[in-house]
Amino acid sequence: MPPFSHTWLPYIYLYGVGGIFFIIGLIITKKAGSMNLSNKRHLYWFKMLIFGFVYYMALHFLLTIAALYW
């Protein structure tokens, strides 16, 4: 089995640092007034962005597990 530094460390870095930039982008969008969460459409797309990030992270996690153990 490959070492932790070759499998999970890049995953943690990718979604940790990438997640920070993602959240910062959402905060900037909110503060700029481009996103109004009381608007149903904006709330829908905000939820889709969060869901998409979590979905892609989970898919990457599952495929990494599959590659390591099968």
C-alpha atoms as a PDB file:
ATOM      1  CA  MET A   1       0.000   0.000   0.000  1.00  0.00           C
ATOM      2  CA  PRO A   2       1.339   3.487  -0.875  1.00  0.00           C
ATOM      3  CA  PRO A   3       2.377   5.719   2.021  1.00  0.00           C
ATOM      4  CA  PHE A   4       0.091   8.336   3.542  1.00  0.00           C
ATOM      5  CA  SER A   5       2.095  11.155   1.967  1.00  0.00           C
ATOM      6  CA  HIS A   6       1.353   9.827  -1.526  1.00  0.00           C
ATOM      7  CA  THR A   7      -2.347   9.094  -1.069  1.00  0.00           C
ATOM      8  CA  TRP A   8      -4.171  11.055   1.610  1.00  0.00           C
ATOM      9  CA  LEU A   9      -1.930  14.067   2.056  1.00  0.00           C
ATOM     10  CA  PRO A  10      -2.643  15.363  -1.486  1.00  0.00           C
ATOM     11  CA  TYR A  11      -6.365  14.724  -0.930  1.00  0.00           C
ATOM     12  CA  ILE A  12      -6.338  16.690   2.325  1.00  0.00           C
ATOM     13  CA  TYR A  13      -4.347  19.494   0.707  1.00  0.00           C
ATOM     14  CA  LEU A  14      -6.589  19.624  -2.372  1.00  0.00           C
ATOM     15  CA  TYR A  15      -9.864  19.861  -0.471  1.00  0.00           C
ATOM     16  CA  GLY A  16      -8.479  21.700   2.551  1.00  0.00           C
ATOM     17  CA  VAL A  17      -6.753  24.540   0.712  1.00  0.00           C
ATOM     18  CA  GLY A  18      -9.219  24.398  -2.178  1.00  0.00           C
ATOM     19  CA  GLY A  19     -12.101  24.498   0.301  1.00  0.00           C
ATOM     20  CA  ILE A  20     -10.640  27.575   1.956  1.00  0.00           C
ATOM     21  CA  PHE A  21     -10.468  29.351  -1.415  1.00  0.00           C
ATOM     22  CA  PHE A  22     -13.977  28.144  -2.231  1.00  0.00           C
ATOM     23  CA  ILE A  23     -15.353  29.568   1.036  1.00  0.00           C
ATOM     24  CA  ILE A  24     -13.425  32.817   0.555  1.00  0.00           C
ATOM     25  CA  GLY A  25     -14.951  33.106  -2.925  1.00  0.00           C
ATOM     26  CA  LEU A  26     -18.438  32.608  -1.503  1.00  0.00           C
ATOM     27  CA  ILE A  27     -17.798  35.223   1.191  1.00  0.00           C
ATOM     28  CA  ILE A  28     -16.502  37.733  -1.377  1.00  0.00           C
ATOM     29  CA  THR A  29     -19.543  37.079  -3.565  1.00  0.00           C
ATOM     30  CA  LYS A  30     -21.862  37.629  -0.595  1.00  0.00           C
ATOM     31  CA  LYS A  31     -20.113  40.823   0.541  1.00  0.00           C
ATOM     32  CA  ALA A  32     -20.064  42.242  -3.003  1.00  0.00           C
ATOM     33  CA  GLY A  33     -23.835  41.962  -3.098  1.00  0.00           C
ATOM     34  CA  SER A  34     -23.853  39.492  -5.978  1.00  0.00           C
ATOM     35  CA  MET A  35     -25.479  36.824  -3.848  1.00  0.00           C
ATOM     36  CA  ASN A  36     -28.650  37.501  -1.891  1.00  0.00           C
ATOM     37  CA  LEU A  37     -29.610  34.370   0.039  1.00  0.00           C
ATOM     38  CA  SER A  38     -33.143  35.632   0.624  1.00  0.00           C
ATOM     39  CA  ASN A  39     -33.661  35.281  -3.146  1.00  0.00           C
ATOM     40  CA  LYS A  40     -34.827  31.731  -3.938  1.00  0.00           C
ATOM     41  CA  ARG A  41     -32.699  31.414  -7.074  1.00  0.00           C
ATOM     42  CA  HIS A  42     -29.565  32.577  -5.298  1.00  0.00           C
ATOM     43  CA  LEU A  43     -30.226  30.208  -2.411  1.00  0.00           C
ATOM     44  CA  TYR A  44     -30.761  27.338  -4.866  1.00  0.00           C
ATOM     45  CA  TRP A  45     -27.424  27.975  -6.621  1.00  0.00           C
ATOM     46  CA  PHE A  46     -25.647  28.466  -3.299  1.00  0.00           C
ATOM     47  CA  LYS A  47     -26.881  25.030  -2.199  1.00  0.00           C
ATOM     48  CA  MET A  48     -25.859  23.568  -5.569  1.00  0.00           C
ATOM     49  CA  LEU A  49     -22.338  24.954  -5.181  1.00  0.00           C
ATOM     50  CA  ILE A  50     -21.996  23.458  -1.701  1.00  0.00           C
ATOM     51  CA  PHE A  51     -23.508  20.156  -2.837  1.00  0.00           C
ATOM     52  CA  GLY A  52     -21.216  20.034  -5.873  1.00  0.00           C
ATOM     53  CA  PHE A  53     -18.109  20.572  -3.760  1.00  0.00           C
ATOM     54  CA  VAL A  54     -19.113  17.915  -1.225  1.00  0.00           C
ATOM     55  CA  TYR A  55     -20.244  15.496  -3.963  1.00  0.00           C
ATOM     56  CA  TYR A  56     -16.980  15.796  -5.883  1.00  0.00           C
ATOM     57  CA  MET A  57     -14.968  15.447  -2.659  1.00  0.00           C
ATOM     58  CA  ALA A  58     -16.928  12.304  -1.698  1.00  0.00           C
ATOM     59  CA  LEU A  59     -16.552  10.821  -5.176  1.00  0.00           C
ATOM     60  CA  HIS A  60     -12.805  11.456  -5.108  1.00  0.00           C
ATOM     61  CA  PHE A  61     -12.638   9.872  -1.632  1.00  0.00           C
ATOM     62  CA  LEU A  62     -14.498   6.749  -2.747  1.00  0.00           C
ATOM     63  CA  LEU A  63     -12.392   6.335  -5.868  1.00  0.00           C
ATOM     64  CA  THR A  64      -9.215   6.736  -3.826  1.00  0.00           C
ATOM     65  CA  ILE A  65     -10.441   4.035  -1.430  1.00  0.00           C
ATOM     66  CA  ALA A  66     -11.270   1.794  -4.382  1.00  0.00           C
ATOM     67  CA  ALA A  67      -7.840   2.305  -5.905  1.00  0.00           C
ATOM     68  CA  LEU A  68      -6.068   1.548  -2.628  1.00  0.00           C
ATOM     69  CA  TYR A  69      -7.948  -1.536  -1.527  1.00  0.00           C
ATOM     70  CA  TRP A  70      -9.166  -3.284  -4.708  1.00  0.00           C
END
